[in-house]
PDB file of N, CA and C in Angstrom:
ATOM      1  N   THR A   1     101.891  94.227  78.939  1.00  0.00           N
ATOM      2  CA  THR A   1     102.232  95.205  80.313  1.00  0.00           C
ATOM      3  C   THR A   1     101.265  94.587  81.082  1.00  0.00           C
ATOM      4  N   GLY A   2     101.472  94.381  82.184  1.00  0.00           N
ATOM      5  CA  GLY A   2     100.511  94.022  83.471  1.00  0.00           C
ATOM      6  C   GLY A   2     100.867  93.438  85.262  1.00  0.00           C
ATOM      7  N   VAL A   3      99.990  93.250  85.464  1.00  0.00           N
ATOM      8  CA  VAL A   3     100.165  93.162  86.679  1.00  0.00           C
ATOM      9  C   VAL A   3      99.860  91.480  87.149  1.00  0.00           C
ATOM     10  N   VAL A   4     101.506  91.083  88.266  1.00  0.00           N
ATOM     11  CA  VAL A   4     101.575  89.658  88.001  1.00  0.00           C
ATOM     12  C   VAL A   4     100.626  89.316  89.436  1.00  0.00           C
ATOM     13  N   VAL A   5      99.361  88.168  88.455  1.00  0.00           N
ATOM     14  CA  VAL A   5      98.647  87.420  89.683  1.00  0.00           C
ATOM     15  C   VAL A   5      98.936  86.139  90.317  1.00  0.00           C
ATOM     16  N   ASP A   6      99.899  85.514  90.037  1.00  0.00           N
ATOM     17  CA  ASP A   6     100.318  84.426  90.193  1.00  0.00           C
ATOM     18  C   ASP A   6     101.426  83.525  89.735  1.00  0.00           C
ATOM     19  N   VAL A   7     102.217  83.478  90.777  1.00  0.00           N
ATOM     20  CA  VAL A   7     104.069  83.037  90.202  1.00  0.00           C
ATOM     21  C   VAL A   7     103.890  81.241  90.139  1.00  0.00           C
ATOM     22  N   GLN A   8     104.646  80.756  89.850  1.00  0.00           N
ATOM     23  CA  GLN A   8     104.714  79.143  90.213  1.00  0.00           C
ATOM     24  C   GLN A   8     106.045  79.232  90.091  1.00  0.00           C
ATOM     25  N   GLN A   9     106.541  78.497  91.376  1.00  0.00           N
ATOM     26  CA  GLN A   9     108.136  78.543  91.427  1.00  0.00           C
ATOM     27  C   GLN A   9     108.262  77.441  92.825  1.00  0.00           C
ATOM     28  N   ALA A  10     109.197  76.231  92.657  1.00  0.00           N
ATOM     29  CA  ALA A  10     109.937  75.307  93.823  1.00  0.00           C
ATOM     30  C   ALA A  10     110.448  76.191  94.127  1.00  0.00           C
ATOM     31  N   GLY A  11     111.275  77.018  94.239  1.00  0.00           N
ATOM     32  CA  GLY A  11     112.154  77.641  95.079  1.00  0.00           C
ATOM     33  C   GLY A  11     112.072  79.091  94.743  1.00  0.00           C
ATOM     34  N   LEU A  12     112.931  79.909  95.730  1.00  0.00           N
ATOM     35  CA  LEU A  12     113.284  81.210  95.513  1.00  0.00           C
ATOM     36  C   LEU A  12     113.348  81.785  94.424  1.00  0.00           C
ATOM     37  N   ALA A  13     114.395  81.087  93.864  1.00  0.00           N
ATOM     38  CA  ALA A  13     115.159  81.609  92.428  1.00  0.00           C
ATOM     39  C   ALA A  13     114.896  80.133  91.235  1.00  0.00           C
ATOM     40  N   ASP A  14     113.782  79.176  91.782  1.00  0.00           N
ATOM     41  CA  ASP A  14     113.245  78.509  90.781  1.00  0.00           C
ATOM     42  C   ASP A  14     112.147  78.650  90.347  1.00  0.00           C
ATOM     43  N   VAL A  15     111.846  80.151  89.152  1.00  0.00           N
ATOM     44  CA  VAL A  15     110.599  80.037  88.421  1.00  0.00           C
ATOM     45  C   VAL A  15     110.395  79.690  86.981  1.00  0.00           C
ATOM     46  N   SER A  16     109.047  78.712  87.099  1.00  0.00           N
ATOM     47  CA  SER A  16     108.599  78.300  85.993  1.00  0.00           C
ATOM     48  C   SER A  16     107.464  78.964  85.105  1.00  0.00           C
ATOM     49  N   GLY A  17     107.215  79.753  85.648  1.00  0.00           N
ATOM     50  CA  GLY A  17     105.980  80.577  85.291  1.00  0.00           C
ATOM     51  C   GLY A  17     105.208  81.582  85.957  1.00  0.00           C
ATOM     52  N   PHE A  18     104.341  82.186  85.124  1.00  0.00           N
ATOM     53  CA  PHE A  18     103.861  83.216  86.317  1.00  0.00           C
ATOM     54  C   PHE A  18     102.437  83.662  85.339  1.00  0.00           C
ATOM     55  N   THR A  19     101.302  83.834  85.864  1.00  0.00           N
ATOM     56  CA  THR A  19     100.516  84.835  85.176  1.00  0.00           C
ATOM     57  C   THR A  19      99.902  86.267  85.000  1.00  0.00           C
ATOM     58  N   LEU A  20      99.684  87.094  84.369  1.00  0.00           N
ATOM     59  CA  LEU A  20      99.965  88.482  84.324  1.00  0.00           C
ATOM     60  C   LEU A  20      98.678  89.003  83.944  1.00  0.00           C
ATOM     61  N   ARG A  21      97.620  90.096  84.419  1.00  0.00           N
ATOM     62  CA  ARG A  21      96.675  90.701  84.603  1.00  0.00           C
ATOM     63  C   ARG A  21      96.754  91.909  83.575  1.00  0.00           C
ATOM     64  N   THR A  22      96.278  91.991  82.274  1.00  0.00           N
ATOM     65  CA  THR A  22      96.271  93.040  81.683  1.00  0.00           C
ATOM     66  C   THR A  22      95.332  93.908  81.666  1.00  0.00           C
ATOM     67  N   SER A  23      95.837  95.421  81.842  1.00  0.00           N
ATOM     68  CA  SER A  23      94.716  96.715  81.574  1.00  0.00           C
ATOM     69  C   SER A  23      93.683  96.347  81.122  1.00  0.00           C
ATOM     70  N   ASP A  24      93.164  95.305  80.100  1.00  0.00           N
ATOM     71  CA  ASP A  24      92.085  94.879  79.402  1.00  0.00           C
ATOM     72  C   ASP A  24      91.284  94.047  80.477  1.00  0.00           C
ATOM     73  N   GLY A  25      92.387  93.576  81.582  1.00  0.00           N
ATOM     74  CA  GLY A  25      91.711  92.178  82.331  1.00  0.00           C
ATOM     75  C   GLY A  25      91.698  90.900  81.272  1.00  0.00           C
ATOM     76  N   ARG A  26      92.240  90.865  80.359  1.00  0.00           N
ATOM     77  CA  ARG A  26      92.989  89.491  80.186  1.00  0.00           C
ATOM     78  C   ARG A  26      93.493  89.127  81.220  1.00  0.00           C
ATOM     79  N   GLU A  27      93.989  87.196  81.209  1.00  0.00           N
ATOM     80  CA  GLU A  27      95.064  86.898  81.635  1.00  0.00           C
ATOM     81  C   GLU A  27      95.375  86.188  80.894  1.00  0.00           C
ATOM     82  N   LEU A  28      97.161  86.061  81.211  1.00  0.00           N
ATOM     83  CA  LEU A  28      98.001  85.635  80.009  1.00  0.00           C
ATOM     84  C   LEU A  28      99.064  84.846  80.747  1.00  0.00           C
ATOM     85  N   THR A  29      99.363  83.546  80.788  1.00  0.00           N
ATOM     86  CA  THR A  29     100.378  82.532  81.143  1.00  0.00           C
ATOM     87  C   THR A  29     101.634  82.877  80.540  1.00  0.00           C
ATOM     88  N   PHE A  30     102.638  82.978  80.860  1.00  0.00           N
ATOM     89  CA  PHE A  30     103.824  82.777  80.572  1.00  0.00           C
ATOM     90  C   PHE A  30     104.916  81.466  81.451  1.00  0.00           C
ATOM     91  N   ASP A  31     105.909  81.230  80.376  1.00  0.00           N
ATOM     92  CA  ASP A  31     106.847  80.069  80.898  1.00  0.00           C
ATOM     93  C   ASP A  31     107.749  80.634  80.571  1.00  0.00           C
ATOM     94  N   THR A  32     108.600  80.690  81.787  1.00  0.00           N
ATOM     95  CA  THR A  32     110.233  81.367  81.726  1.00  0.00           C
ATOM     96  C   THR A  32     110.895  79.655  82.115  1.00  0.00           C
ATOM     97  N   THR A  33     110.664  78.668  82.007  1.00  0.00           N
ATOM     98  CA  THR A  33     111.993  77.769  82.068  1.00  0.00           C
ATOM     99  C   THR A  33     112.912  77.814  81.220  1.00  0.00           C
ATOM    100  N   GLN A  34     113.139  78.574  80.383  1.00  0.00           N
ATOM    101  CA  GLN A  34     114.371  78.945  79.739  1.00  0.00           C
ATOM    102  C   GLN A  34     114.744  79.982  79.207  1.00  0.00           C
ATOM    103  N   THR A  35     113.950  81.149  80.534  1.00  0.00           N
ATOM    104  CA  THR A  35     114.181  82.755  80.431  1.00  0.00           C
ATOM    105  C   THR A  35     115.756  82.760  81.299  1.00  0.00           C
ATOM    106  N   ARG A  36     116.575  84.037  80.914  1.00  0.00           N
ATOM    107  CA  ARG A  36     118.098  84.053  81.417  1.00  0.00           C
ATOM    108  C   ARG A  36     117.597  84.944  82.507  1.00  0.00           C
ATOM    109  N   PHE A  37     117.077  85.189  83.786  1.00  0.00           N
ATOM    110  CA  PHE A  37     117.273  86.107  84.550  1.00  0.00           C
ATOM    111  C   PHE A  37     118.369  86.788  85.104  1.00  0.00           C
ATOM    112  N   ASP A  38     118.073  87.806  84.645  1.00  0.00           N
ATOM    113  CA  ASP A  38     118.810  88.619  85.233  1.00  0.00           C
ATOM    114  C   ASP A  38     119.326  89.100  86.681  1.00  0.00           C
ATOM    115  N   ALA A  39     120.439  88.469  87.739  1.00  0.00           N
ATOM    116  CA  ALA A  39     120.490  89.002  89.079  1.00  0.00           C
ATOM    117  C   ALA A  39     120.800  90.241  89.266  1.00  0.00           C
ATOM    118  N   ALA A  40     121.201  91.182  88.721  1.00  0.00           N
ATOM    119  CA  ALA A  40     121.160  92.982  89.083  1.00  0.00           C
ATOM    120  C   ALA A  40     119.814  93.493  88.325  1.00  0.00           C
ATOM    121  N   GLY A  41     119.208  93.068  86.882  1.00  0.00           N
ATOM    122  CA  GLY A  41     118.551  93.824  86.596  1.00  0.00           C
ATOM    123  C   GLY A  41     117.010  93.407  87.077  1.00  0.00           C
ATOM    124  N   PHE A  42     116.558  91.648  86.729  1.00  0.00           N
ATOM    125  CA  PHE A  42     115.441  91.307  87.179  1.00  0.00           C
ATOM    126  C   PHE A  42     115.444  89.893  87.410  1.00  0.00           C
ATOM    127  N   PRO A  43     115.855  89.674  88.873  1.00  0.00           N
ATOM    128  CA  PRO A  43     116.380  88.261  89.161  1.00  0.00           C
ATOM    129  C   PRO A  43     114.643  87.528  89.447  1.00  0.00           C
ATOM    130  N   PRO A  44     114.997  86.120  89.503  1.00  0.00           N
ATOM    131  CA  PRO A  44     113.476  85.999  89.793  1.00  0.00           C
ATOM    132  C   PRO A  44     112.530  86.045  90.633  1.00  0.00           C
ATOM    133  N   GLN A  45     113.426  85.695  91.940  1.00  0.00           N
ATOM    134  CA  GLN A  45     112.131  86.572  93.054  1.00  0.00           C
ATOM    135  C   GLN A  45     111.773  87.839  93.311  1.00  0.00           C
ATOM    136  N   HIS A  46     112.305  88.996  91.877  1.00  0.00           N
ATOM    137  CA  HIS A  46     111.617  89.933  91.875  1.00  0.00           C
ATOM    138  C   HIS A  46     109.934  89.931  91.457  1.00  0.00           C
ATOM    139  N   LEU A  47     109.779  88.687  90.932  1.00  0.00           N
ATOM    140  CA  LEU A  47     108.523  88.636  90.177  1.00  0.00           C
ATOM    141  C   LEU A  47     107.484  88.351  91.670  1.00  0.00           C
ATOM    142  N   GLN A  48     107.955  88.193  92.594  1.00  0.00           N
ATOM    143  CA  GLN A  48     107.094  87.776  94.070  1.00  0.00           C
ATOM    144  C   GLN A  48     106.670  89.399  94.592  1.00  0.00           C
ATOM    145  N   GLU A  49     107.893  89.890  94.246  1.00  0.00           N
ATOM    146  CA  GLU A  49     107.718  91.341  94.692  1.00  0.00           C
ATOM    147  C   GLU A  49     106.822  92.046  94.078  1.00  0.00           C
ATOM    148  N   HIS A  50     106.619  91.991  92.578  1.00  0.00           N
ATOM    149  CA  HIS A  50     105.656  92.891  91.543  1.00  0.00           C
ATOM    150  C   HIS A  50     104.109  91.948  91.920  1.00  0.00           C
ATOM    151  N   ARG A  51     104.241  91.029  92.273  1.00  0.00           N
ATOM    152  CA  ARG A  51     102.787  90.661  92.252  1.00  0.00           C
ATOM    153  C   ARG A  51     102.382  91.175  93.548  1.00  0.00           C
ATOM    154  N   ALA A  52     103.181  90.840  95.067  1.00  0.00           N
ATOM    155  CA  ALA A  52     102.851  91.528  96.211  1.00  0.00           C
ATOM    156  C   ALA A  52     102.405  93.066  96.424  1.00  0.00           C
ATOM    157  N   LEU A  53     102.616  93.830  95.549  1.00  0.00           N
ATOM    158  CA  LEU A  53     103.084  95.058  95.687  1.00  0.00           C
ATOM    159  C   LEU A  53     102.043  95.736  94.357  1.00  0.00           C
ATOM    160  N   ALA A  54     101.740  94.798  93.740  1.00  0.00           N
ATOM    161  CA  ALA A  54     100.733  95.184  92.355  1.00  0.00           C
ATOM    162  C   ALA A  54     101.638  95.699  91.409  1.00  0.00           C
ATOM    163  N   GLU A  55     102.337  95.619  91.217  1.00  0.00           N
ATOM    164  CA  GLU A  55     103.490  96.757  90.560  1.00  0.00           C
ATOM    165  C   GLU A  55     103.564  96.107  88.874  1.00  0.00           C
ATOM    166  N   PRO A  56     103.652  97.166  88.193  1.00  0.00           N
ATOM    167  CA  PRO A  56     103.658  96.381  86.882  1.00  0.00           C
ATOM    168  C   PRO A  56     104.819  95.460  86.090  1.00  0.00           C
ATOM    169  N   VAL A  57     104.562  94.842  85.501  1.00  0.00           N
ATOM    170  CA  VAL A  57     105.861  94.619  84.617  1.00  0.00           C
ATOM    171  C   VAL A  57     105.745  94.363  82.781  1.00  0.00           C
ATOM    172  N   ARG A  58     106.694  94.943  82.508  1.00  0.00           N
ATOM    173  CA  ARG A  58     107.045  94.443  81.176  1.00  0.00           C
ATOM    174  C   ARG A  58     107.059  93.033  80.461  1.00  0.00           C
ATOM    175  N   VAL A  59     106.259  92.908  79.532  1.00  0.00           N
ATOM    176  CA  VAL A  59     107.014  91.460  79.076  1.00  0.00           C
ATOM    177  C   VAL A  59     107.437  91.219  77.679  1.00  0.00           C
ATOM    178  N   THR A  60     108.143  90.712  77.431  1.00  0.00           N
ATOM    179  CA  THR A  60     108.898  90.505  75.603  1.00  0.00           C
ATOM    180  C   THR A  60     108.827  89.100  75.496  1.00  0.00           C
ATOM    181  N   TYR A  61     107.772  88.732  74.667  1.00  0.00           N
ATOM    182  CA  TYR A  61     107.996  86.950  74.630  1.00  0.00           C
ATOM    183  C   TYR A  61     107.570  86.657  73.288  1.00  0.00           C
ATOM    184  N   GLN A  62     107.750  85.320  73.404  1.00  0.00           N
ATOM    185  CA  GLN A  62     107.347  84.414  72.033  1.00  0.00           C
ATOM    186  C   GLN A  62     106.570  83.763  71.749  1.00  0.00           C
ATOM    187  N   VAL A  63     106.019  83.500  71.055  1.00  0.00           N
ATOM    188  CA  VAL A  63     104.958  81.978  71.395  1.00  0.00           C
ATOM    189  C   VAL A  63     105.439  80.871  70.683  1.00  0.00           C
ATOM    190  N   LYS A  64     105.358  80.106  71.521  1.00  0.00           N
ATOM    191  CA  LYS A  64     106.450  79.018  70.943  1.00  0.00           C
ATOM    192  C   LYS A  64     105.433  77.273  71.123  1.00  0.00           C
ATOM    193  N   ASP A  65     105.161  76.770  70.204  1.00  0.00           N
ATOM    194  CA  ASP A  65     104.522  75.358  70.410  1.00  0.00           C
ATOM    195  C   ASP A  65     103.325  75.645  70.923  1.00  0.00           C
ATOM    196  N   GLY A  66     102.436  77.144  70.739  1.00  0.00           N
ATOM    197  CA  GLY A  66     101.604  77.137  71.852  1.00  0.00           C
ATOM    198  C   GLY A  66     101.616  77.688  73.359  1.00  0.00           C
ATOM    199  N   THR A  67     102.787  78.092  73.692  1.00  0.00           N
ATOM    200  CA  THR A  67     103.462  78.663  74.790  1.00  0.00           C
ATOM    201  C   THR A  67     104.159  79.921  74.930  1.00  0.00           C
ATOM    202  N   ASN A  68     103.790  80.931  75.804  1.00  0.00           N
ATOM    203  CA  ASN A  68     104.577  82.015  75.871  1.00  0.00           C
ATOM    204  C   ASN A  68     105.517  81.973  76.569  1.00  0.00           C
ATOM    205  N   ARG A  69     106.548  82.017  76.067  1.00  0.00           N
ATOM    206  CA  ARG A  69     107.919  82.239  76.470  1.00  0.00           C
ATOM    207  C   ARG A  69     108.477  83.139  76.742  1.00  0.00           C
ATOM    208  N   VAL A  70     108.842  83.674  77.971  1.00  0.00           N
ATOM    209  CA  VAL A  70     109.756  84.733  78.111  1.00  0.00           C
ATOM    210  C   VAL A  70     111.232  85.069  77.394  1.00  0.00           C
ATOM    211  N   VAL A  71     111.433  86.227  76.907  1.00  0.00           N
ATOM    212  CA  VAL A  71     112.161  86.319  76.022  1.00  0.00           C
ATOM    213  C   VAL A  71     113.001  87.635  77.613  1.00  0.00           C
ATOM    214  N   LYS A  72     112.200  88.566  77.766  1.00  0.00           N
ATOM    215  CA  LYS A  72     112.916  89.239  78.950  1.00  0.00           C
ATOM    216  C   LYS A  72     111.589  90.048  79.443  1.00  0.00           C
ATOM    217  N   LEU A  73     111.994  90.425  80.621  1.00  0.00           N
ATOM    218  CA  LEU A  73     110.959  91.520  81.936  1.00  0.00           C
ATOM    219  C   LEU A  73     111.842  92.057  82.182  1.00  0.00           C
ATOM    220  N   GLU A  74     111.130  93.189  82.416  1.00  0.00           N
ATOM    221  CA  GLU A  74     111.278  94.404  83.058  1.00  0.00           C
ATOM    222  C   GLU A  74     110.168  94.925  83.872  1.00  0.00           C
ATOM    223  N   ASP A  75     110.217  96.118  84.718  1.00  0.00           N
ATOM    224  CA  ASP A  75     109.769  97.036  85.607  1.00  0.00           C
ATOM    225  C   ASP A  75     109.052  97.865  84.593  1.00  0.00           C
ATOM    226  N   ALA A  76     107.756  98.172  84.990  1.00  0.00           N
ATOM    227  CA  ALA A  76     106.857  99.028  83.678  1.00  0.00           C
ATOM    228  C   ALA A  76     106.790  99.945  84.071  1.00  0.00           C
ATOM    229  N   ALA A  77     106.569 100.136  85.502  1.00  0.00           N
ATOM    230  CA  ALA A  77     106.373 101.427  86.185  1.00  0.00           C
ATOM    231  C   ALA A  77     107.511 102.997  85.631  1.00  0.00           C
ATOM    232  N   GLY A  78     106.831 104.035  85.902  1.00  0.00           N
ATOM    233  CA  GLY A  78     107.579 105.088  85.323  1.00  0.00           C
ATOM    234  C   GLY A  78     107.466 105.444  83.934  1.00  0.00           C
TER     235      GLY A  78
END
């Protein structure tokens, strides 16, 4: 869980990854190239909204070949 500080994207719905800052100050980079975004629950452009508003997100991920691959994204507020 943390705040999105950077989003790597080629287009509005084409997000390849992002960087998250945790509450203890660590920055983690995540790969979303194989993530299935939910248009109703968490569309890819929603990451930019979180970055702009500094609203936290919760990331469920797996480390594969040294890369943090996103399995699920959700709003962490509340």
